[in-house]
N, C-alpha and C. Protein backbone atom coordinates (compact mmCIF):
# COMPACT_ATOMS: atom_id res chain seq x y z
N UNK A 1 -48.98 11.59 -28.36
CA UNK A 1 -48.83 12.19 -27.04
C UNK A 1 -48.41 11.11 -26.02
N UNK A 2 -49.11 9.98 -26.05
CA UNK A 2 -48.76 8.92 -25.09
C UNK A 2 -47.40 8.30 -25.43
N UNK A 3 -47.13 8.15 -26.69
CA UNK A 3 -45.84 7.56 -27.05
C UNK A 3 -44.69 8.49 -26.69
N UNK A 4 -44.88 9.83 -26.80
CA UNK A 4 -43.85 10.75 -26.38
C UNK A 4 -43.63 10.68 -24.89
N UNK A 5 -44.70 10.57 -24.13
CA UNK A 5 -44.61 10.47 -22.65
C UNK A 5 -43.85 9.18 -22.26
N UNK A 6 -44.19 8.09 -22.91
CA UNK A 6 -43.51 6.81 -22.61
C UNK A 6 -42.02 6.92 -22.97
N UNK A 7 -41.75 7.51 -24.13
CA UNK A 7 -40.34 7.72 -24.54
C UNK A 7 -39.59 8.53 -23.53
N UNK A 8 -40.19 9.62 -23.07
CA UNK A 8 -39.53 10.48 -22.05
C UNK A 8 -39.29 9.74 -20.76
N UNK A 9 -40.28 8.95 -20.31
CA UNK A 9 -40.10 8.19 -19.07
C UNK A 9 -39.00 7.13 -19.22
N UNK A 10 -38.96 6.47 -20.34
CA UNK A 10 -37.91 5.45 -20.59
C UNK A 10 -36.55 6.16 -20.60
N UNK A 11 -36.48 7.26 -21.30
CA UNK A 11 -35.18 8.01 -21.37
C UNK A 11 -34.74 8.46 -19.99
N UNK A 12 -35.64 9.00 -19.21
CA UNK A 12 -35.29 9.44 -17.86
C UNK A 12 -34.83 8.22 -17.01
N UNK A 13 -35.50 7.10 -17.18
CA UNK A 13 -35.14 5.87 -16.47
C UNK A 13 -33.73 5.43 -16.83
N UNK A 14 -33.39 5.47 -18.13
CA UNK A 14 -32.04 5.06 -18.52
C UNK A 14 -31.01 6.03 -18.01
N UNK A 15 -31.28 7.33 -18.01
CA UNK A 15 -30.35 8.29 -17.47
C UNK A 15 -30.15 8.06 -15.97
N UNK A 16 -31.26 7.76 -15.26
CA UNK A 16 -31.15 7.50 -13.84
C UNK A 16 -30.28 6.28 -13.56
N UNK A 17 -30.54 5.23 -14.35
CA UNK A 17 -29.73 4.01 -14.18
C UNK A 17 -28.25 4.29 -14.48
N UNK A 18 -27.98 5.05 -15.55
CA UNK A 18 -26.59 5.34 -15.91
C UNK A 18 -25.89 6.14 -14.82
N UNK A 19 -26.58 7.16 -14.30
CA UNK A 19 -25.99 7.99 -13.22
C UNK A 19 -25.77 7.16 -11.97
N UNK A 20 -26.77 6.26 -11.62
CA UNK A 20 -26.63 5.42 -10.45
C UNK A 20 -25.46 4.45 -10.61
N UNK A 21 -25.26 3.87 -11.81
CA UNK A 21 -24.14 2.95 -12.05
C UNK A 21 -22.84 3.68 -11.95
N UNK A 22 -22.75 4.87 -12.54
CA UNK A 22 -21.50 5.63 -12.50
C UNK A 22 -21.12 5.99 -11.07
N UNK A 23 -22.16 6.39 -10.28
CA UNK A 23 -21.90 6.76 -8.90
C UNK A 23 -21.36 5.54 -8.11
N UNK A 24 -22.03 4.38 -8.27
CA UNK A 24 -21.56 3.17 -7.58
C UNK A 24 -20.17 2.74 -8.03
N UNK A 25 -19.95 2.87 -9.34
CA UNK A 25 -18.67 2.45 -9.91
C UNK A 25 -17.50 3.29 -9.32
N UNK A 26 -17.65 4.63 -9.39
CA UNK A 26 -16.58 5.49 -8.93
C UNK A 26 -16.49 5.46 -7.41
N UNK A 27 -17.59 5.24 -6.71
CA UNK A 27 -17.51 5.10 -5.25
C UNK A 27 -16.73 3.87 -4.88
N UNK A 28 -16.96 2.78 -5.62
CA UNK A 28 -16.22 1.53 -5.37
C UNK A 28 -14.72 1.72 -5.67
N UNK A 29 -14.40 2.37 -6.80
CA UNK A 29 -13.01 2.60 -7.15
C UNK A 29 -12.34 3.46 -6.12
N UNK A 30 -13.05 4.51 -5.67
CA UNK A 30 -12.47 5.40 -4.65
C UNK A 30 -12.21 4.66 -3.35
N UNK A 31 -13.15 3.84 -2.94
CA UNK A 31 -12.98 3.05 -1.70
C UNK A 31 -11.81 2.07 -1.85
N UNK A 32 -11.65 1.46 -3.02
CA UNK A 32 -10.50 0.56 -3.24
C UNK A 32 -9.20 1.30 -3.16
N UNK A 33 -9.15 2.49 -3.70
CA UNK A 33 -7.94 3.29 -3.60
C UNK A 33 -7.62 3.68 -2.17
N UNK A 34 -8.66 4.04 -1.41
CA UNK A 34 -8.46 4.33 0.02
C UNK A 34 -7.92 3.12 0.77
N UNK A 35 -8.50 1.94 0.46
CA UNK A 35 -8.08 0.72 1.12
C UNK A 35 -6.60 0.41 0.75
N UNK A 36 -6.23 0.57 -0.51
CA UNK A 36 -4.80 0.33 -0.88
C UNK A 36 -3.92 1.33 -0.17
N UNK A 37 -4.37 2.59 -0.10
CA UNK A 37 -3.59 3.59 0.58
C UNK A 37 -3.37 3.26 2.04
N UNK A 38 -4.43 2.77 2.73
CA UNK A 38 -4.32 2.35 4.11
C UNK A 38 -3.41 1.18 4.27
N UNK A 39 -3.45 0.19 3.30
CA UNK A 39 -2.60 -0.95 3.37
C UNK A 39 -1.12 -0.56 3.21
N UNK A 40 -0.88 0.39 2.29
CA UNK A 40 0.51 0.85 2.10
C UNK A 40 1.02 1.52 3.34
N UNK A 41 0.23 2.40 3.96
CA UNK A 41 0.67 3.06 5.20
C UNK A 41 0.88 2.01 6.30
N UNK A 42 0.04 1.03 6.40
CA UNK A 42 0.22 -0.01 7.42
C UNK A 42 1.52 -0.80 7.19
N UNK A 43 1.83 -1.11 5.89
CA UNK A 43 3.08 -1.81 5.65
C UNK A 43 4.28 -0.97 5.98
N UNK A 44 4.21 0.32 5.67
CA UNK A 44 5.32 1.24 5.99
C UNK A 44 5.52 1.33 7.51
N UNK A 45 4.40 1.39 8.24
CA UNK A 45 4.54 1.45 9.72
C UNK A 45 5.11 0.17 10.24
N UNK A 46 4.69 -0.98 9.70
CA UNK A 46 5.27 -2.24 10.16
C UNK A 46 6.79 -2.31 9.85
N UNK A 47 7.14 -1.83 8.63
CA UNK A 47 8.53 -1.80 8.26
C UNK A 47 9.35 -0.90 9.19
N UNK A 48 8.78 0.27 9.51
CA UNK A 48 9.46 1.19 10.40
C UNK A 48 9.62 0.58 11.81
N UNK A 49 8.58 -0.10 12.27
CA UNK A 49 8.70 -0.79 13.57
C UNK A 49 9.73 -1.86 13.57
N UNK A 50 9.84 -2.62 12.44
CA UNK A 50 10.87 -3.65 12.37
C UNK A 50 12.26 -3.05 12.37
N UNK A 51 12.43 -1.98 11.60
CA UNK A 51 13.75 -1.33 11.52
C UNK A 51 14.14 -0.80 12.94
N UNK A 52 13.19 -0.15 13.59
CA UNK A 52 13.51 0.37 14.96
C UNK A 52 13.83 -0.74 15.94
N UNK A 53 13.10 -1.89 15.82
CA UNK A 53 13.41 -3.01 16.71
C UNK A 53 14.80 -3.59 16.40
N UNK A 54 15.14 -3.65 15.13
CA UNK A 54 16.47 -4.19 14.78
C UNK A 54 17.55 -3.23 15.24
N UNK A 55 17.33 -1.90 15.09
CA UNK A 55 18.33 -0.94 15.50
C UNK A 55 18.49 -0.94 17.04
N UNK A 56 17.42 -1.18 17.74
CA UNK A 56 17.47 -1.14 19.21
C UNK A 56 17.94 -2.45 19.81
N UNK A 57 17.94 -3.51 19.03
CA UNK A 57 18.40 -4.81 19.57
C UNK A 57 19.88 -4.90 19.54
N UNK A 58 20.37 -5.92 20.27
CA UNK A 58 21.81 -6.11 20.29
C UNK A 58 22.32 -6.97 19.12
N UNK A 59 21.42 -7.43 18.30
CA UNK A 59 21.79 -8.29 17.18
C UNK A 59 22.73 -7.55 16.21
N UNK A 60 22.46 -6.33 15.99
CA UNK A 60 23.35 -5.57 15.07
C UNK A 60 24.71 -5.31 15.68
N UNK A 61 24.75 -5.07 16.99
CA UNK A 61 25.99 -4.85 17.66
C UNK A 61 26.86 -6.12 17.62
N UNK A 62 26.24 -7.28 17.76
CA UNK A 62 27.02 -8.54 17.72
C UNK A 62 27.53 -8.74 16.30
N UNK A 63 26.72 -8.45 15.28
CA UNK A 63 27.17 -8.61 13.92
C UNK A 63 28.31 -7.66 13.59
N UNK A 64 28.26 -6.43 14.10
CA UNK A 64 29.32 -5.49 13.88
C UNK A 64 30.60 -5.96 14.57
N UNK A 65 30.50 -6.47 15.76
CA UNK A 65 31.69 -6.98 16.46
C UNK A 65 32.31 -8.17 15.74
N UNK A 66 31.47 -9.08 15.20
CA UNK A 66 31.99 -10.20 14.46
C UNK A 66 32.68 -9.73 13.19
N UNK A 67 32.11 -8.73 12.57
CA UNK A 67 32.73 -8.19 11.34
C UNK A 67 34.07 -7.57 11.67
N UNK A 68 34.18 -6.83 12.79
CA UNK A 68 35.46 -6.23 13.19
C UNK A 68 36.47 -7.33 13.51
N UNK A 69 36.05 -8.39 14.13
CA UNK A 69 36.97 -9.52 14.45
C UNK A 69 37.47 -10.12 13.15
N UNK A 70 36.58 -10.36 12.20
CA UNK A 70 36.99 -10.94 10.95
C UNK A 70 37.95 -10.03 10.21
N UNK A 71 37.67 -8.74 10.24
CA UNK A 71 38.59 -7.77 9.57
C UNK A 71 39.94 -7.83 10.25
N UNK A 72 39.99 -7.92 11.56
CA UNK A 72 41.27 -7.96 12.26
C UNK A 72 42.03 -9.24 11.92
N UNK A 73 41.34 -10.36 11.82
CA UNK A 73 42.01 -11.58 11.45
C UNK A 73 42.52 -11.53 10.00
N UNK A 74 41.74 -10.89 9.10
CA UNK A 74 42.20 -10.74 7.73
C UNK A 74 43.45 -9.88 7.70
N UNK A 75 43.44 -8.81 8.47
CA UNK A 75 44.64 -7.95 8.53
C UNK A 75 45.82 -8.71 9.10
N UNK A 76 45.59 -9.56 10.08
CA UNK A 76 46.66 -10.34 10.69
C UNK A 76 47.33 -11.26 9.71
N UNK A 77 46.50 -11.86 8.85
CA UNK A 77 47.05 -12.83 7.85
C UNK A 77 47.47 -12.10 6.58
N UNK A 78 47.39 -10.80 6.53
CA UNK A 78 47.82 -10.02 5.38
C UNK A 78 46.83 -10.01 4.21
N UNK A 79 45.58 -10.31 4.47
CA UNK A 79 44.59 -10.26 3.44
C UNK A 79 43.83 -8.95 3.52
N UNK A 80 43.35 -8.55 2.37
CA UNK A 80 42.59 -7.27 2.34
C UNK A 80 41.13 -7.50 2.28
């Protein structure tokens, strides 16, 4: 009778520890996935901000004008 009770208590203890470990493990994995998701969104937003800054700056306009000038000179000298 006593050995059966001890066996049941030990079994319940092991099940409790296993469930507790699984909960902590999957909670940690879930939080890591959320963190990675947030980091990806943050990088995309930073990239979008950079692209919008580049598009709104005059740097692209200057590069386009230089490219047109080079194309005109190439056409002048008969190069394609």
